[in-house]
């Protein structure tokens, strides 16, 4: 049992869970818009997410990341290095246009983690701005990249999906913002710090409503999309209602981050039987 718990914690701490969530959103885009997902792009996104998230969590201070004393973090470092090699391999096969978008997204990721402003350590320390950056990167990776890799131009329905993904990720980040109230410094001025937990949850509720009803802004809406987003609407609403300041250990880090994975399984199941 202790071994399983350690493996599970490593799965979360090494960012495999969040990478699977981003990969799930990529697969959902392929299903909703009938795209043939490139294998190299899929692996690049999965392993690239692990590398980026582990760098943000553990490698912001380069000296501490290179000279790791903790054995557990050393394992994560080695795992991240292996993932980086795989990222380089699969990235070699991506086209130039995809890399242009990637450089933009990597730039946002770098600004998120590294010092860029004189009065802030990084954009991560600018409160509400950090969750917007995360949402932009997730939506860019999961919606824009597959179209770019296939050489297709994004049309109206695709851009609506981009906005919906941004809103969805913002909703998923709210439980983390509320959880971290106990640890965040007051100068961060996160959304819960600014308006309180109750108003933050109400704000999240409006985002959930916008996420679902913006679906009707699309020119073409399939039954698959409507049903799956309807169920997801209920799940996100339940998360907003159930989020508390004092959370269980895995509420946000596992259950909330598992929602994109659940959506992928749901949408694939519906798609399979239609």
C-alpha atoms as a PDB file:
ATOM      1  CA  UNK A   1       0.000   0.000   0.000  1.00  0.00           C
ATOM      2  CA  UNK A   2       2.836   2.401   0.836  1.00  0.00           C
ATOM      3  CA  UNK A   3       4.460   1.623  -2.511  1.00  0.00           C
ATOM      4  CA  UNK A   4       1.229   2.372  -4.366  1.00  0.00           C
ATOM      5  CA  UNK A   5       0.859   5.645  -2.449  1.00  0.00           C
ATOM      6  CA  UNK A   6       4.434   6.641  -3.320  1.00  0.00           C
ATOM      7  CA  UNK A   7       3.889   5.800  -6.988  1.00  0.00           C
ATOM      8  CA  UNK A   8       0.653   7.775  -6.993  1.00  0.00           C
ATOM      9  CA  UNK A   9       2.344  10.781  -5.391  1.00  0.00           C
ATOM     10  CA  UNK A  10       5.157  10.545  -7.941  1.00  0.00           C
ATOM     11  CA  UNK A  11       2.523  10.437 -10.715  1.00  0.00           C
ATOM     12  CA  UNK A  12       1.151  13.740  -9.402  1.00  0.00           C
ATOM     13  CA  UNK A  13       4.410  15.402  -8.343  1.00  0.00           C
ATOM     14  CA  UNK A  14       6.173  14.574 -11.625  1.00  0.00           C
ATOM     15  CA  UNK A  15       3.310  16.256 -13.548  1.00  0.00           C
ATOM     16  CA  UNK A  16       2.219  13.105 -15.388  1.00  0.00           C
ATOM     17  CA  UNK A  17      -1.393  13.722 -14.338  1.00  0.00           C
ATOM     18  CA  UNK A  18      -1.493  17.283 -15.665  1.00  0.00           C
ATOM     19  CA  UNK A  19       0.238  16.131 -18.872  1.00  0.00           C
ATOM     20  CA  UNK A  20      -2.469  13.524 -19.375  1.00  0.00           C
ATOM     21  CA  UNK A  21      -5.081  16.258 -18.842  1.00  0.00           C
ATOM     22  CA  UNK A  22      -3.548  18.468 -21.562  1.00  0.00           C
ATOM     23  CA  UNK A  23      -3.185  15.455 -23.872  1.00  0.00           C
ATOM     24  CA  UNK A  24      -6.877  14.658 -23.274  1.00  0.00           C
ATOM     25  CA  UNK A  25      -7.901  18.143 -24.405  1.00  0.00           C
ATOM     26  CA  UNK A  26      -5.792  17.688 -27.542  1.00  0.00           C
ATOM     27  CA  UNK A  27      -7.604  14.420 -28.313  1.00  0.00           C
ATOM     28  CA  UNK A  28     -10.973  16.077 -27.690  1.00  0.00           C
ATOM     29  CA  UNK A  29     -10.170  18.717 -30.312  1.00  0.00           C
ATOM     30  CA  UNK A  30      -9.356  15.973 -32.809  1.00  0.00           C
ATOM     31  CA  UNK A  31     -12.679  14.224 -32.156  1.00  0.00           C
ATOM     32  CA  UNK A  32     -14.861  17.356 -32.174  1.00  0.00           C
ATOM     33  CA  UNK A  33     -13.385  18.712 -35.387  1.00  0.00           C
ATOM     34  CA  UNK A  34     -12.674  15.415 -37.126  1.00  0.00           C
ATOM     35  CA  UNK A  35      -8.908  15.901 -37.245  1.00  0.00           C
ATOM     36  CA  UNK A  36      -6.288  13.217 -37.742  1.00  0.00           C
ATOM     37  CA  UNK A  37      -4.037  13.866 -34.786  1.00  0.00           C
ATOM     38  CA  UNK A  38      -0.334  13.690 -35.586  1.00  0.00           C
ATOM     39  CA  UNK A  39       1.462  11.157 -33.380  1.00  0.00           C
ATOM     40  CA  UNK A  40       4.582  13.289 -33.033  1.00  0.00           C
ATOM     41  CA  UNK A  41       2.492  16.276 -31.928  1.00  0.00           C
ATOM     42  CA  UNK A  42       0.652  14.110 -29.388  1.00  0.00           C
ATOM     43  CA  UNK A  43       3.853  12.797 -27.816  1.00  0.00           C
ATOM     44  CA  UNK A  44       5.444  16.246 -27.974  1.00  0.00           C
ATOM     45  CA  UNK A  45       2.537  17.798 -26.074  1.00  0.00           C
ATOM     46  CA  UNK A  46       2.449  15.028 -23.454  1.00  0.00           C
ATOM     47  CA  UNK A  47       6.154  14.948 -22.674  1.00  0.00           C
ATOM     48  CA  UNK A  48       6.525  18.707 -23.192  1.00  0.00           C
ATOM     49  CA  UNK A  49       3.885  19.386 -20.553  1.00  0.00           C
ATOM     50  CA  UNK A  50       5.804  17.238 -18.065  1.00  0.00           C
ATOM     51  CA  UNK A  51       9.052  19.106 -18.784  1.00  0.00           C
ATOM     52  CA  UNK A  52       7.468  22.574 -18.579  1.00  0.00           C
ATOM     53  CA  UNK A  53       5.481  21.929 -15.408  1.00  0.00           C
ATOM     54  CA  UNK A  54       8.410  20.312 -13.627  1.00  0.00           C
ATOM     55  CA  UNK A  55      10.646  23.201 -14.605  1.00  0.00           C
ATOM     56  CA  UNK A  56       8.104  25.680 -13.233  1.00  0.00           C
ATOM     57  CA  UNK A  57       7.683  23.705 -10.004  1.00  0.00           C
ATOM     58  CA  UNK A  58      11.265  22.685  -9.362  1.00  0.00           C
ATOM     59  CA  UNK A  59      13.606  24.420 -11.780  1.00  0.00           C
ATOM     60  CA  UNK A  60      12.916  28.155 -11.446  1.00  0.00           C
ATOM     61  CA  UNK A  61      16.076  28.443  -9.362  1.00  0.00           C
ATOM     62  CA  UNK A  62      18.575  26.767 -11.705  1.00  0.00           C
ATOM     63  CA  UNK A  63      21.223  26.059  -9.051  1.00  0.00           C
ATOM     64  CA  UNK A  64      18.752  24.168  -6.879  1.00  0.00           C
ATOM     65  CA  UNK A  65      17.457  22.237  -9.891  1.00  0.00           C
ATOM     66  CA  UNK A  66      20.899  21.167 -11.108  1.00  0.00           C
ATOM     67  CA  UNK A  67      22.325  20.381  -7.677  1.00  0.00           C
ATOM     68  CA  UNK A  68      19.471  18.351  -6.223  1.00  0.00           C
ATOM     69  CA  UNK A  69      20.094  16.943  -2.766  1.00  0.00           C
ATOM     70  CA  UNK A  70      16.689  15.370  -2.199  1.00  0.00           C
ATOM     71  CA  UNK A  71      16.554  11.833  -3.598  1.00  0.00           C
ATOM     72  CA  UNK A  72      12.850  12.075  -4.468  1.00  0.00           C
ATOM     73  CA  UNK A  73      13.383  15.289  -6.434  1.00  0.00           C
ATOM     74  CA  UNK A  74      16.397  13.679  -8.077  1.00  0.00           C
ATOM     75  CA  UNK A  75      14.112  10.981  -9.487  1.00  0.00           C
ATOM     76  CA  UNK A  76      11.781  13.690 -10.807  1.00  0.00           C
ATOM     77  CA  UNK A  77      14.781  15.475 -12.337  1.00  0.00           C
ATOM     78  CA  UNK A  78      15.963  12.316 -14.134  1.00  0.00           C
ATOM     79  CA  UNK A  79      12.415  11.581 -15.287  1.00  0.00           C
ATOM     80  CA  UNK A  80      12.100  15.145 -16.626  1.00  0.00           C
ATOM     81  CA  UNK A  81      15.406  14.821 -18.470  1.00  0.00           C
ATOM     82  CA  UNK A  82      14.228  11.626 -20.189  1.00  0.00           C
ATOM     83  CA  UNK A  83      11.004  13.404 -21.159  1.00  0.00           C
ATOM     84  CA  UNK A  84      13.055  16.307 -22.531  1.00  0.00           C
ATOM     85  CA  UNK A  85      14.960  13.930 -24.823  1.00  0.00           C
ATOM     86  CA  UNK A  86      11.647  12.570 -26.107  1.00  0.00           C
ATOM     87  CA  UNK A  87      10.388  16.133 -26.609  1.00  0.00           C
ATOM     88  CA  UNK A  88      13.435  16.938 -28.755  1.00  0.00           C
ATOM     89  CA  UNK A  89      12.953  13.786 -30.821  1.00  0.00           C
ATOM     90  CA  UNK A  90       9.253  14.315 -31.567  1.00  0.00           C
ATOM     91  CA  UNK A  91       9.706  18.073 -31.979  1.00  0.00           C
ATOM     92  CA  UNK A  92      12.071  17.428 -34.883  1.00  0.00           C
ATOM     93  CA  UNK A  93       9.134  16.148 -36.981  1.00  0.00           C
ATOM     94  CA  UNK A  94       6.834  19.142 -36.401  1.00  0.00           C
ATOM     95  CA  UNK A  95       6.443  21.740 -39.135  1.00  0.00           C
ATOM     96  CA  UNK A  96       7.745  25.310 -39.041  1.00  0.00           C
ATOM     97  CA  UNK A  97       4.334  26.926 -38.490  1.00  0.00           C
ATOM     98  CA  UNK A  98       3.745  24.713 -35.466  1.00  0.00           C
ATOM     99  CA  UNK A  99       7.103  25.752 -34.046  1.00  0.00           C
ATOM    100  CA  UNK A 100       6.229  29.439 -34.493  1.00  0.00           C
ATOM    101  CA  UNK A 101       3.139  28.932 -32.329  1.00  0.00           C
ATOM    102  CA  UNK A 102       5.199  26.864 -29.898  1.00  0.00           C
ATOM    103  CA  UNK A 103       7.795  29.625 -29.517  1.00  0.00           C
ATOM    104  CA  UNK A 104       4.986  32.030 -28.636  1.00  0.00           C
ATOM    105  CA  UNK A 105       3.553  29.613 -26.062  1.00  0.00           C
ATOM    106  CA  UNK A 106       7.007  28.803 -24.696  1.00  0.00           C
ATOM    107  CA  UNK A 107       7.608  32.543 -24.372  1.00  0.00           C
ATOM    108  CA  UNK A 108       4.470  32.874 -22.252  1.00  0.00           C
ATOM    109  CA  UNK A 109       5.582  29.881 -20.190  1.00  0.00           C
ATOM    110  CA  UNK A 110       9.003  31.461 -19.695  1.00  0.00           C
ATOM    111  CA  UNK A 111       7.487  34.758 -18.625  1.00  0.00           C
ATOM    112  CA  UNK A 112       5.294  32.816 -16.209  1.00  0.00           C
ATOM    113  CA  UNK A 113       8.305  31.229 -14.514  1.00  0.00           C
ATOM    114  CA  UNK A 114      11.257  33.585 -14.974  1.00  0.00           C
ATOM    115  CA  UNK A 115      11.885  37.178 -13.763  1.00  0.00           C
ATOM    116  CA  UNK A 116      10.788  39.659 -16.452  1.00  0.00           C
ATOM    117  CA  UNK A 117       9.538  42.716 -14.561  1.00  0.00           C
ATOM    118  CA  UNK A 118      11.436  44.959 -12.128  1.00  0.00           C
ATOM    119  CA  UNK A 119       8.853  44.760  -9.337  1.00  0.00           C
ATOM    120  CA  UNK A 120       7.825  41.150  -9.758  1.00  0.00           C
ATOM    121  CA  UNK A 121       9.841  37.943  -9.592  1.00  0.00           C
ATOM    122  CA  UNK A 122       7.877  36.593 -12.536  1.00  0.00           C
ATOM    123  CA  UNK A 123       4.403  36.837 -14.063  1.00  0.00           C
ATOM    124  CA  UNK A 124       3.422  34.051 -11.704  1.00  0.00           C
ATOM    125  CA  UNK A 125       3.694  36.583  -8.896  1.00  0.00           C
ATOM    126  CA  UNK A 126       1.178  38.971 -10.481  1.00  0.00           C
ATOM    127  CA  UNK A 127      -1.899  37.340  -9.029  1.00  0.00           C
ATOM    128  CA  UNK A 128      -4.779  37.078 -11.484  1.00  0.00           C
ATOM    129  CA  UNK A 129      -2.499  37.354 -14.502  1.00  0.00           C
ATOM    130  CA  UNK A 130      -0.911  33.964 -13.855  1.00  0.00           C
ATOM    131  CA  UNK A 131      -4.134  31.973 -14.352  1.00  0.00           C
ATOM    132  CA  UNK A 132      -4.846  33.849 -17.595  1.00  0.00           C
ATOM    133  CA  UNK A 133      -1.398  32.870 -18.903  1.00  0.00           C
ATOM    134  CA  UNK A 134      -1.959  29.223 -17.980  1.00  0.00           C
ATOM    135  CA  UNK A 135      -5.380  29.272 -19.683  1.00  0.00           C
ATOM    136  CA  UNK A 136      -3.936  30.846 -22.847  1.00  0.00           C
ATOM    137  CA  UNK A 137      -1.156  28.268 -23.063  1.00  0.00           C
ATOM    138  CA  UNK A 138      -3.502  25.312 -22.481  1.00  0.00           C
ATOM    139  CA  UNK A 139      -5.971  26.528 -25.117  1.00  0.00           C
ATOM    140  CA  UNK A 140      -3.187  27.258 -27.596  1.00  0.00           C
ATOM    141  CA  UNK A 141      -1.674  23.812 -27.161  1.00  0.00           C
ATOM    142  CA  UNK A 142      -4.951  21.879 -27.213  1.00  0.00           C
ATOM    143  CA  UNK A 143      -6.795  23.744 -29.990  1.00  0.00           C
ATOM    144  CA  UNK A 144      -4.466  25.884 -32.114  1.00  0.00           C
ATOM    145  CA  UNK A 145      -1.540  23.450 -32.476  1.00  0.00           C
ATOM    146  CA  UNK A 146      -3.407  20.519 -34.098  1.00  0.00           C
ATOM    147  CA  UNK A 147      -4.879  22.806 -36.763  1.00  0.00           C
ATOM    148  CA  UNK A 148      -1.509  24.455 -37.364  1.00  0.00           C
ATOM    149  CA  UNK A 149       0.268  21.107 -37.679  1.00  0.00           C
ATOM    150  CA  UNK A 150      -2.257  20.025 -40.318  1.00  0.00           C
ATOM    151  CA  UNK A 151      -1.860  23.308 -42.201  1.00  0.00           C
ATOM    152  CA  UNK A 152      -5.477  24.347 -41.642  1.00  0.00           C
ATOM    153  CA  UNK A 153      -6.720  27.866 -41.000  1.00  0.00           C
ATOM    154  CA  UNK A 154      -8.806  28.393 -37.897  1.00  0.00           C
ATOM    155  CA  UNK A 155     -12.390  29.449 -38.626  1.00  0.00           C
ATOM    156  CA  UNK A 156     -15.112  30.921 -36.399  1.00  0.00           C
ATOM    157  CA  UNK A 157     -16.091  27.655 -34.680  1.00  0.00           C
ATOM    158  CA  UNK A 158     -12.449  26.920 -33.892  1.00  0.00           C
ATOM    159  CA  UNK A 159     -11.959  30.322 -32.261  1.00  0.00           C
ATOM    160  CA  UNK A 160     -15.103  29.814 -30.181  1.00  0.00           C
ATOM    161  CA  UNK A 161     -13.546  26.565 -28.983  1.00  0.00           C
ATOM    162  CA  UNK A 162     -10.336  28.438 -28.107  1.00  0.00           C
ATOM    163  CA  UNK A 163     -12.333  30.842 -25.935  1.00  0.00           C
ATOM    164  CA  UNK A 164     -14.233  27.972 -24.327  1.00  0.00           C
ATOM    165  CA  UNK A 165     -10.989  26.198 -23.448  1.00  0.00           C
ATOM    166  CA  UNK A 166      -9.631  29.375 -21.884  1.00  0.00           C
ATOM    167  CA  UNK A 167     -12.787  29.691 -19.776  1.00  0.00           C
ATOM    168  CA  UNK A 168     -12.726  26.010 -18.837  1.00  0.00           C
ATOM    169  CA  UNK A 169      -9.110  26.182 -17.654  1.00  0.00           C
ATOM    170  CA  UNK A 170      -9.886  29.314 -15.630  1.00  0.00           C
ATOM    171  CA  UNK A 171     -12.673  27.379 -13.909  1.00  0.00           C
ATOM    172  CA  UNK A 172     -10.322  24.466 -13.201  1.00  0.00           C
ATOM    173  CA  UNK A 173      -7.745  26.820 -11.688  1.00  0.00           C
ATOM    174  CA  UNK A 174     -10.150  28.434  -9.203  1.00  0.00           C
ATOM    175  CA  UNK A 175     -10.039  25.494  -6.719  1.00  0.00           C
ATOM    176  CA  UNK A 176      -6.238  25.799  -6.730  1.00  0.00           C
ATOM    177  CA  UNK A 177      -6.471  29.547  -6.091  1.00  0.00           C
ATOM    178  CA  UNK A 178      -8.825  28.954  -3.158  1.00  0.00           C
ATOM    179  CA  UNK A 179      -6.690  26.101  -1.793  1.00  0.00           C
ATOM    180  CA  UNK A 180      -3.535  28.223  -1.909  1.00  0.00           C
ATOM    181  CA  UNK A 181      -5.039  31.062   0.136  1.00  0.00           C
ATOM    182  CA  UNK A 182      -3.282  29.600   3.162  1.00  0.00           C
ATOM    183  CA  UNK A 183       0.104  29.813   1.442  1.00  0.00           C
ATOM    184  CA  UNK A 184      -0.063  32.755  -0.980  1.00  0.00           C
ATOM    185  CA  UNK A 185       1.476  36.007   0.170  1.00  0.00           C
ATOM    186  CA  UNK A 186      -0.968  38.953   0.410  1.00  0.00           C
ATOM    187  CA  UNK A 187       0.927  40.914  -2.256  1.00  0.00           C
ATOM    188  CA  UNK A 188       0.068  38.281  -4.858  1.00  0.00           C
ATOM    189  CA  UNK A 189      -3.495  39.627  -4.962  1.00  0.00           C
ATOM    190  CA  UNK A 190      -5.054  36.482  -6.379  1.00  0.00           C
ATOM    191  CA  UNK A 191      -8.761  36.483  -7.176  1.00  0.00           C
ATOM    192  CA  UNK A 192      -9.813  34.937  -3.822  1.00  0.00           C
ATOM    193  CA  UNK A 193      -7.565  37.429  -2.014  1.00  0.00           C
ATOM    194  CA  UNK A 194      -9.184  40.314  -3.868  1.00  0.00           C
ATOM    195  CA  UNK A 195     -12.859  39.385  -3.644  1.00  0.00           C
ATOM    196  CA  UNK A 196     -13.048  36.516  -1.152  1.00  0.00           C
ATOM    197  CA  UNK A 197     -13.882  32.830  -1.519  1.00  0.00           C
ATOM    198  CA  UNK A 198     -17.654  33.219  -1.868  1.00  0.00           C
ATOM    199  CA  UNK A 199     -17.493  35.819  -4.649  1.00  0.00           C
ATOM    200  CA  UNK A 200     -14.743  33.841  -6.383  1.00  0.00           C
ATOM    201  CA  UNK A 201     -17.018  30.800  -6.504  1.00  0.00           C
ATOM    202  CA  UNK A 202     -19.867  32.947  -7.853  1.00  0.00           C
ATOM    203  CA  UNK A 203     -17.481  34.303 -10.501  1.00  0.00           C
ATOM    204  CA  UNK A 204     -16.521  30.727 -11.339  1.00  0.00           C
ATOM    205  CA  UNK A 205     -20.220  29.851 -11.633  1.00  0.00           C
ATOM    206  CA  UNK A 206     -20.716  32.562 -14.249  1.00  0.00           C
ATOM    207  CA  UNK A 207     -17.693  31.229 -16.136  1.00  0.00           C
ATOM    208  CA  UNK A 208     -19.254  27.758 -16.131  1.00  0.00           C
ATOM    209  CA  UNK A 209     -22.479  29.206 -17.578  1.00  0.00           C
ATOM    210  CA  UNK A 210     -20.542  31.064 -20.256  1.00  0.00           C
ATOM    211  CA  UNK A 211     -18.570  27.926 -21.101  1.00  0.00           C
ATOM    212  CA  UNK A 212     -21.707  25.941 -21.916  1.00  0.00           C
ATOM    213  CA  UNK A 213     -23.944  28.552 -23.513  1.00  0.00           C
ATOM    214  CA  UNK A 214     -21.172  29.924 -25.729  1.00  0.00           C
ATOM    215  CA  UNK A 215     -21.430  26.581 -27.533  1.00  0.00           C
ATOM    216  CA  UNK A 216     -24.530  27.987 -29.240  1.00  0.00           C
ATOM    217  CA  UNK A 217     -22.384  30.712 -30.811  1.00  0.00           C
ATOM    218  CA  UNK A 218     -20.956  28.096 -33.160  1.00  0.00           C
ATOM    219  CA  UNK A 219     -22.211  27.705 -36.711  1.00  0.00           C
ATOM    220  CA  UNK A 220     -22.140  23.920 -36.502  1.00  0.00           C
ATOM    221  CA  UNK A 221     -22.997  22.053 -33.286  1.00  0.00           C
ATOM    222  CA  UNK A 222     -22.982  18.269 -33.230  1.00  0.00           C
ATOM    223  CA  UNK A 223     -25.026  16.146 -30.841  1.00  0.00           C
ATOM    224  CA  UNK A 224     -21.732  14.768 -29.551  1.00  0.00           C
ATOM    225  CA  UNK A 225     -20.478  18.208 -28.581  1.00  0.00           C
ATOM    226  CA  UNK A 226     -23.771  19.351 -27.080  1.00  0.00           C
ATOM    227  CA  UNK A 227     -24.263  16.267 -24.918  1.00  0.00           C
ATOM    228  CA  UNK A 228     -20.650  16.061 -23.723  1.00  0.00           C
ATOM    229  CA  UNK A 229     -20.441  19.756 -22.897  1.00  0.00           C
ATOM    230  CA  UNK A 230     -23.808  19.556 -21.161  1.00  0.00           C
ATOM    231  CA  UNK A 231     -22.494  16.842 -18.849  1.00  0.00           C
ATOM    232  CA  UNK A 232     -19.232  18.737 -18.399  1.00  0.00           C
ATOM    233  CA  UNK A 233     -21.260  21.832 -17.514  1.00  0.00           C
ATOM    234  CA  UNK A 234     -22.833  19.912 -14.615  1.00  0.00           C
ATOM    235  CA  UNK A 235     -19.453  18.564 -13.464  1.00  0.00           C
ATOM    236  CA  UNK A 236     -17.817  22.003 -13.505  1.00  0.00           C
ATOM    237  CA  UNK A 237     -20.798  23.466 -11.672  1.00  0.00           C
ATOM    238  CA  UNK A 238     -20.499  20.780  -8.993  1.00  0.00           C
ATOM    239  CA  UNK A 239     -16.793  21.567  -8.628  1.00  0.00           C
ATOM    240  CA  UNK A 240     -17.530  25.258  -8.132  1.00  0.00           C
ATOM    241  CA  UNK A 241     -20.212  24.445  -5.578  1.00  0.00           C
ATOM    242  CA  UNK A 242     -18.062  21.897  -3.733  1.00  0.00           C
ATOM    243  CA  UNK A 243     -14.776  23.807  -3.619  1.00  0.00           C
ATOM    244  CA  UNK A 244     -13.824  24.785  -0.075  1.00  0.00           C
ATOM    245  CA  UNK A 245     -10.914  26.662   1.430  1.00  0.00           C
ATOM    246  CA  UNK A 246      -9.939  23.611   3.489  1.00  0.00           C
ATOM    247  CA  UNK A 247      -9.680  20.859   0.894  1.00  0.00           C
ATOM    248  CA  UNK A 248      -8.662  17.238   1.080  1.00  0.00           C
ATOM    249  CA  UNK A 249      -5.140  16.519  -0.117  1.00  0.00           C
ATOM    250  CA  UNK A 250      -6.071  15.291  -3.604  1.00  0.00           C
ATOM    251  CA  UNK A 251      -9.198  17.363  -4.327  1.00  0.00           C
ATOM    252  CA  UNK A 252      -7.519  19.882  -6.627  1.00  0.00           C
ATOM    253  CA  UNK A 253      -4.290  18.106  -7.565  1.00  0.00           C
ATOM    254  CA  UNK A 254      -6.044  14.917  -8.678  1.00  0.00           C
ATOM    255  CA  UNK A 255      -9.827  15.196  -8.955  1.00  0.00           C
ATOM    256  CA  UNK A 256     -10.043  18.683 -10.485  1.00  0.00           C
ATOM    257  CA  UNK A 257      -7.144  18.041 -12.849  1.00  0.00           C
ATOM    258  CA  UNK A 258      -8.812  14.760 -13.838  1.00  0.00           C
ATOM    259  CA  UNK A 259     -11.823  16.567 -15.318  1.00  0.00           C
ATOM    260  CA  UNK A 260     -10.262  16.927 -18.829  1.00  0.00           C
ATOM    261  CA  UNK A 261      -9.426  13.209 -18.697  1.00  0.00           C
ATOM    262  CA  UNK A 262     -13.002  12.426 -17.687  1.00  0.00           C
ATOM    263  CA  UNK A 263     -14.272  14.624 -20.541  1.00  0.00           C
ATOM    264  CA  UNK A 264     -12.044  12.780 -23.026  1.00  0.00           C
ATOM    265  CA  UNK A 265     -13.300   9.378 -21.851  1.00  0.00           C
ATOM    266  CA  UNK A 266     -16.884  10.645 -21.931  1.00  0.00           C
ATOM    267  CA  UNK A 267     -16.668  12.186 -25.380  1.00  0.00           C
ATOM    268  CA  UNK A 268     -14.821   9.187 -26.795  1.00  0.00           C
ATOM    269  CA  UNK A 269     -17.478   6.854 -25.362  1.00  0.00           C
ATOM    270  CA  UNK A 270     -20.314   8.888 -26.882  1.00  0.00           C
ATOM    271  CA  UNK A 271     -18.451   9.199 -30.195  1.00  0.00           C
ATOM    272  CA  UNK A 272     -17.832   5.434 -30.265  1.00  0.00           C
ATOM    273  CA  UNK A 273     -21.508   4.585 -29.865  1.00  0.00           C
ATOM    274  CA  UNK A 274     -22.897   7.236 -32.247  1.00  0.00           C
END
